[in-house]
Protein backbone atom coordinates (compact mmCIF):
# COMPACT_ATOMS: atom_id res chain seq x y z
CA MET A 1 -33.59 8.06 7.01
CA GLY A 2 -31.75 8.95 3.85
CA CYS A 3 -28.64 11.00 3.85
CA ARG A 4 -27.03 13.37 1.42
CA SER A 5 -23.33 13.43 2.04
CA ALA A 6 -20.55 15.32 0.32
CA VAL A 7 -21.15 18.01 -2.25
CA LEU A 8 -18.89 19.75 -4.68
CA GLN A 9 -21.35 21.43 -6.91
CA PHE A 10 -20.81 22.87 -10.39
CA SER A 11 -23.75 25.24 -10.21
CA THR A 12 -27.22 25.69 -8.81
CA MET A 13 -29.42 23.65 -11.11
CA ALA A 14 -32.83 25.15 -11.82
CA LYS A 15 -34.22 21.98 -13.43
CA GLN A 16 -35.32 18.94 -11.45
CA THR A 17 -32.42 16.89 -10.17
CA TYR A 18 -31.91 13.33 -8.98
CA GLN A 19 -32.04 14.54 -5.39
CA ASP A 20 -35.45 16.16 -5.91
CA VAL A 21 -37.10 12.77 -6.44
CA TYR A 22 -35.03 10.69 -4.00
CA PRO A 23 -37.50 9.48 -1.36
CA SER A 24 -35.45 10.46 1.69
CA LEU A 25 -33.28 13.31 2.91
CA PRO A 26 -29.46 13.16 3.10
CA ILE A 27 -27.52 13.00 6.35
CA LEU A 28 -24.76 15.21 4.97
CA ASP A 29 -24.86 17.79 2.21
CA SER A 30 -21.64 19.35 0.96
CA ALA A 31 -23.56 21.91 -1.09
CA LYS A 32 -24.20 23.69 2.19
CA ASP A 33 -20.76 23.18 3.70
CA ALA A 34 -18.24 23.27 0.89
CA ARG A 35 -16.60 26.55 -0.02
CA ALA A 36 -17.42 28.15 -3.37
CA SER A 37 -14.39 26.88 -5.27
CA ALA A 38 -15.16 23.30 -4.26
CA ALA A 39 -18.84 23.74 -5.05
CA GLU A 40 -17.98 24.30 -8.70
CA LEU A 41 -16.69 20.75 -9.19
CA LEU A 42 -19.32 18.15 -8.34
CA THR A 43 -22.06 17.15 -5.93
CA LEU A 44 -21.46 14.12 -3.76
CA GLU A 45 -24.20 12.92 -1.45
CA TYR A 46 -24.49 9.96 0.88
CA PHE A 47 -27.80 8.15 1.41
CA GLU A 48 -28.99 5.49 3.81
CA ALA A 49 -32.57 4.90 2.74
CA GLU A 50 -35.11 2.26 3.69
CA PRO A 51 -36.56 0.10 0.86
CA ASP A 52 -38.33 2.40 -1.57
CA THR A 53 -38.67 3.43 -5.22
CA MET A 54 -37.70 6.32 -7.48
CA PRO A 55 -39.86 7.13 -10.52
CA THR A 56 -38.51 6.72 -14.04
CA LYS A 57 -37.17 10.09 -15.23
CA VAL A 58 -34.65 11.64 -17.58
CA PHE A 59 -32.13 13.97 -15.92
CA ASP A 60 -29.91 16.68 -17.35
CA GLN A 61 -27.02 15.63 -15.10
CA HIS A 62 -24.70 12.63 -14.98
CA HIS A 63 -25.15 10.40 -11.92
CA ILE A 64 -22.61 7.96 -10.51
CA LEU A 65 -23.83 5.60 -7.77
CA LEU A 66 -21.23 4.03 -5.47
CA ASN A 67 -22.47 1.12 -3.35
CA LEU A 68 -20.94 0.94 0.15
CA LYS A 69 -23.24 -1.69 1.66
CA GLU A 70 -21.35 -4.82 2.70
CA GLU A 71 -24.28 -7.21 2.24
CA PRO A 72 -25.48 -7.85 -1.34
CA GLN A 73 -28.98 -6.56 -1.96
CA ARG A 74 -31.65 -6.87 -4.61
CA VAL A 75 -32.13 -3.78 -6.78
CA GLU A 76 -34.28 -3.11 -9.86
CA ASN A 77 -33.44 -0.52 -12.48
CA TRP A 78 -35.48 0.66 -15.47
CA ARG A 79 -33.10 2.22 -18.02
CA ASP A 80 -34.32 3.50 -21.39
CA GLY A 81 -37.16 0.96 -21.40
CA GLU A 82 -35.11 -2.04 -20.27
CA HIS A 83 -35.74 -3.63 -16.86
CA ARG A 84 -32.88 -5.09 -14.83
CA ASP A 85 -33.44 -7.11 -11.63
CA PHE A 86 -30.00 -7.70 -10.13
CA THR A 87 -27.87 -8.10 -7.03
CA TYR A 88 -26.00 -4.92 -6.08
CA ARG A 89 -22.70 -5.71 -4.34
CA MET A 90 -20.28 -3.64 -2.32
CA HIS A 91 -17.96 -1.39 -4.35
CA GLU A 92 -20.04 -1.74 -7.50
CA ILE A 93 -20.78 1.49 -9.34
CA ILE A 94 -23.54 2.47 -11.74
CA VAL A 95 -23.04 5.31 -14.21
CA THR A 96 -26.18 6.92 -15.63
CA PRO A 97 -25.24 9.63 -18.13
CA ALA A 98 -27.38 12.72 -18.70
CA GLY A 99 -30.29 12.07 -21.04
CA VAL A 100 -30.76 8.42 -20.03
CA GLU A 101 -34.20 7.55 -18.67
CA SER A 102 -33.82 5.72 -15.35
CA GLY A 103 -35.94 4.57 -12.41
CA TRP A 104 -35.21 2.49 -9.31
CA ARG A 105 -36.55 0.10 -6.69
CA TRP A 106 -34.33 -1.23 -3.90
CA HIS A 107 -35.46 -4.03 -1.62
CA GLY A 108 -33.16 -3.45 1.35
CA LYS A 109 -31.79 -0.44 3.20
CA SER A 110 -29.38 1.41 0.93
CA LYS A 111 -25.91 2.68 1.74
CA VAL A 112 -24.91 4.57 -1.37
CA ILE A 113 -22.98 7.64 -2.49
CA VAL A 114 -24.54 9.58 -5.35
CA VAL A 115 -22.23 11.82 -7.37
CA THR A 116 -23.94 14.38 -9.59
CA LEU A 117 -22.09 16.14 -12.42
CA ASP A 118 -23.21 19.01 -14.63
CA PRO A 119 -22.19 17.90 -18.17
CA GLU A 120 -21.06 21.32 -19.41
CA LYS A 121 -18.83 22.07 -16.45
CA PHE A 122 -17.62 18.48 -16.27
CA GLU A 123 -16.45 18.80 -19.86
CA ARG A 124 -14.78 22.12 -19.04
CA PHE A 125 -12.95 20.58 -16.07
CA ALA A 126 -11.76 17.69 -18.24
CA GLN A 127 -10.40 20.11 -20.83
CA THR A 128 -8.71 22.67 -18.58
CA GLU A 129 -7.61 20.56 -15.62
CA VAL A 130 -6.95 17.12 -17.12
CA GLY A 131 -6.24 17.95 -20.74
CA VAL A 132 -8.80 15.45 -22.03
CA LEU A 133 -11.31 16.15 -24.77
CA LEU A 134 -14.50 14.27 -23.99
CA ALA A 135 -16.91 12.94 -26.55
CA GLU A 136 -20.34 14.58 -26.69
CA SER A 137 -21.78 11.76 -24.58
CA GLN A 138 -18.91 12.32 -22.08
CA LEU A 139 -19.39 9.22 -19.89
CA LYS A 140 -19.91 5.57 -20.73
CA SER A 141 -23.28 4.22 -19.64
CA LEU A 142 -22.41 1.49 -17.12
CA PRO A 143 -25.42 -0.25 -15.56
CA GLN A 144 -23.20 -2.17 -13.13
CA PHE A 145 -19.45 -2.46 -12.69
CA GLU A 146 -17.12 -3.22 -9.78
CA ASP A 147 -14.60 -0.46 -8.97
CA PRO A 148 -13.20 -0.37 -5.42
CA ASP A 149 -10.79 2.43 -6.38
CA ILE A 150 -13.53 4.89 -7.36
CA CYS A 151 -15.65 3.83 -4.36
CA HIS A 152 -12.78 4.43 -1.94
CA ALA A 153 -12.21 7.86 -3.49
CA GLY A 154 -15.89 8.60 -2.91
CA GLU A 155 -15.67 7.41 0.69
CA MET A 156 -12.71 9.71 1.31
CA LEU A 157 -14.79 12.62 0.01
CA ARG A 158 -17.68 11.68 2.27
CA ASP A 159 -15.41 11.37 5.29
CA ALA A 160 -13.77 14.73 4.58
CA LEU A 161 -17.18 16.38 4.58
CA ALA A 162 -18.40 14.56 7.68
CA GLY A 163 -15.23 15.12 9.69
CA GLY A 164 -15.54 18.85 10.17
CA GLN A 165 -11.99 19.09 11.44
CA LEU A 166 -9.62 21.95 10.70
CA GLY A 167 -8.65 21.94 7.05
CA SER A 168 -11.40 19.50 6.01
CA GLU A 169 -12.65 21.85 3.28
CA LEU A 170 -9.22 22.03 1.68
CA ILE A 171 -8.93 18.26 1.88
CA PHE A 172 -12.41 17.88 0.41
CA GLU A 173 -11.65 20.07 -2.58
CA SER A 174 -8.35 18.30 -3.26
CA LEU A 175 -10.00 14.88 -3.03
CA ALA A 176 -12.79 16.04 -5.34
CA ARG A 177 -10.23 16.81 -8.03
CA VAL A 178 -8.63 13.40 -7.51
CA PHE A 179 -12.04 11.74 -7.82
CA LEU A 180 -12.84 13.57 -11.06
CA VAL A 181 -9.49 12.74 -12.61
CA LYS A 182 -9.92 9.05 -11.74
CA LEU A 183 -13.43 9.11 -13.19
CA ILE A 184 -12.32 10.75 -16.43
CA GLN A 185 -9.36 8.44 -16.86
CA LYS A 186 -11.44 5.31 -16.34
CA TYR A 187 -14.85 6.13 -17.75
CA GLY A 188 -14.60 9.29 -19.83
CA LEU A 189 -14.98 8.75 -23.57
CA GLN A 190 -11.60 10.04 -24.64
CA GLU A 191 -9.86 10.32 -27.98
CA GLU A 192 -10.70 6.78 -29.08
CA ALA A 193 -14.39 7.72 -29.20
CA TYR A 194 -14.04 11.38 -30.16
CA ALA A 195 -14.44 12.47 -33.78
CA PHE A 196 -11.20 14.41 -33.90
CA SER A 197 -9.81 15.97 -37.00
CA ARG A 198 -6.71 14.03 -37.92
CA SER A 199 -4.87 17.34 -37.86
CA PHE A 200 -5.84 18.21 -34.28
CA THR A 201 -5.78 15.31 -31.83
CA ALA A 202 -5.98 15.01 -28.07
CA LYS A 203 -2.17 15.05 -27.94
CA HIS A 204 -2.14 18.38 -29.77
CA TYR A 205 -4.66 19.75 -27.29
CA ARG A 206 -2.61 18.54 -24.34
CA ARG A 207 0.47 20.35 -25.63
CA VAL A 208 -1.52 23.56 -26.10
CA LEU A 209 -3.04 23.27 -22.62
CA ASP A 210 0.36 22.66 -21.02
CA PHE A 211 1.73 25.74 -22.75
CA VAL A 212 -1.19 27.90 -21.55
CA ALA A 213 -0.87 26.53 -18.00
CA GLN A 214 2.81 27.48 -17.93
CA SER A 215 2.51 30.83 -19.72
CA TYR A 216 -0.90 32.34 -18.87
CA GLY A 217 0.78 35.07 -16.80
CA LYS A 218 2.67 36.28 -19.86
CA SER A 219 1.68 37.52 -23.30
CA ILE A 220 0.29 34.69 -25.45
CA LEU A 221 -0.38 34.95 -29.17
CA VAL A 222 -2.33 32.61 -31.42
CA GLU A 223 0.94 31.97 -33.20
CA ASP A 224 2.42 30.61 -29.98
CA LEU A 225 -0.42 28.12 -29.59
CA ALA A 226 -0.29 27.09 -33.24
CA ARG A 227 3.42 26.43 -32.89
CA GLU A 228 2.75 24.06 -29.98
CA ALA A 229 0.31 22.15 -32.18
CA ALA A 230 2.74 22.25 -35.13
CA LEU A 231 0.08 23.81 -37.36
CA SER A 232 -0.23 27.00 -39.36
CA THR A 233 -1.92 29.80 -37.45
CA SER A 234 -5.05 29.98 -39.58
CA HIS A 235 -5.50 26.20 -39.78
CA PHE A 236 -4.94 25.83 -36.04
CA ALA A 237 -7.47 28.56 -35.19
CA GLN A 238 -10.14 26.91 -37.33
CA LEU A 239 -9.54 23.41 -35.97
CA PHE A 240 -9.34 24.59 -32.37
CA LYS A 241 -12.64 26.46 -32.50
CA ARG A 242 -14.35 23.59 -34.30
CA THR A 243 -13.14 21.10 -31.67
CA ILE A 244 -13.25 23.13 -28.43
CA GLY A 245 -16.14 25.44 -29.24
CA MET A 246 -14.28 28.72 -28.69
CA SER A 247 -11.43 30.57 -30.32
CA PRO A 248 -7.89 29.99 -29.03
CA MET A 249 -7.73 33.44 -27.44
CA GLN A 250 -11.15 33.03 -25.83
CA PHE A 251 -9.82 29.82 -24.35
CA VAL A 252 -6.73 31.61 -22.98
CA THR A 253 -8.84 34.39 -21.49
CA THR A 254 -11.21 31.92 -19.85
CA TYR A 255 -8.27 30.00 -18.44
CA ARG A 256 -6.84 33.22 -16.97
CA VAL A 257 -10.15 34.03 -15.31
CA GLU A 258 -10.34 30.53 -13.80
CA GLN A 259 -6.86 30.94 -12.34
CA ALA A 260 -7.80 34.40 -11.04
CA LYS A 261 -10.77 32.88 -9.19
CA LYS A 262 -8.40 30.61 -7.30
CA LYS A 263 -6.18 33.55 -6.36
CA LEU A 264 -9.19 35.63 -5.24
CA ALA A 265 -9.83 33.05 -2.54
CA VAL A 266 -6.74 34.45 -0.79
CA HIS A 267 -8.22 37.64 0.61
CA GLU A 268 -5.01 39.56 1.23
CA THR A 269 -3.73 39.33 -2.34
CA PRO A 270 -4.22 42.76 -4.02
CA LEU A 271 -6.31 42.78 -7.18
CA ILE A 272 -3.54 44.43 -9.17
CA ASP A 273 -1.18 41.59 -8.25
CA ILE A 274 -3.75 39.01 -9.36
CA ALA A 275 -4.31 40.91 -12.59
CA MET A 276 -0.63 41.02 -13.47
CA SER A 277 0.07 37.42 -12.43
CA CYS A 278 -2.77 36.18 -14.66
CA GLY A 279 -1.63 38.00 -17.77
CA PHE A 280 -4.00 40.99 -17.81
CA ALA A 281 -2.74 44.40 -18.93
CA ASP A 282 -3.84 46.19 -15.75
CA GLN A 283 -6.47 46.04 -13.01
CA ALA A 284 -9.12 47.76 -15.11
CA HIS A 285 -8.64 45.26 -17.93
CA PHE A 286 -8.79 42.40 -15.43
CA SER A 287 -12.01 43.68 -13.86
CA ARG A 288 -13.71 44.22 -17.21
CA VAL A 289 -12.86 40.78 -18.59
CA PHE A 290 -13.58 38.99 -15.31
CA LYS A 291 -17.07 40.53 -15.13
CA GLN A 292 -17.79 39.60 -18.74
CA ILE A 293 -16.99 35.95 -18.06
CA ALA A 294 -17.92 35.47 -14.39
CA GLY A 295 -20.91 37.82 -14.32
CA GLU A 296 -19.58 39.91 -11.44
CA SER A 297 -16.53 42.00 -10.64
CA PRO A 298 -13.48 40.45 -8.95
CA SER A 299 -14.16 42.42 -5.76
CA LYS A 300 -17.78 41.22 -5.61
CA TYR A 301 -16.67 37.65 -6.32
CA ARG A 302 -14.16 37.82 -3.47
CA ALA A 303 -16.72 39.41 -1.13
CA ARG A 304 -19.19 36.65 -1.91
CA LEU A 305 -16.58 33.99 -1.11
CA SER A 306 -15.80 35.74 2.16
CA GLN A 307 -19.48 36.01 3.07
CA GLN A 308 -20.02 32.34 2.38
CA ARG A 309 -17.09 31.41 4.62
CA ASP A 310 -18.31 33.70 7.42
CA SER A 311 -21.89 32.38 7.24
CA ARG A 312 -20.88 28.78 7.85
CA PRO A 313 -21.33 27.57 11.42
């Protein structure tokens, strides 16, 4: 039997996913168990599958395979027209970025964690949470590489999901963030591979992000952000939008909404308090902006979180 283990999921993916063509079902599935805030990060699944094959396909998501099987096993991989017949050893990982054609055949029972990342939200997490600007390709294509550290982080995620003990969801979400940070630091294509303007580098972005993280509850002007980057206001605004894909103030507003989502998970916190603590003028302004970005009002977002928690066994 196969088994899908831990899941922190960025979003419900309408297109065909890796899991749709995997020849067996998962034992654990965090997409069903993780709370909404965790489900926005990644999908982690654990499989134990008998020898089988997966057809060659191109996926819209990144996939990271973490091998936990102690005994080496023979595996074949077809990747963008190239065939590899190799021995897959414990704690080796395989990174298959979105857009890479890949197919598989394994000759022994598998014991593997599959992490699935939505590229758009992965990039957003890297920018807002880690302060890293990823290249368009985002992850290095690694057909085979040993990394016990990443594998252990994946095992901790799996165990947090499987445990079911009090507080396991909080632990799972925290560990998911640790896993993503480790992944970005080791395998994300950072400033060395990113076509930055010489006037706006990753270090400039980090300073701007740190300022927003410390000041989002207060009034923030474009001039404040430009000062952090040591650029003129107009030049900064142009470079920022060209690099990040949104204006500086759109970035600030989106950041405020993301922080508000975290605060909405605490049911007893009044909406007006969340609005003021996140830098909105009043509750009406907060509700209007939140709905524009999140697609639903803060009260409906909170009610949905509550319903999801109550519906879990």
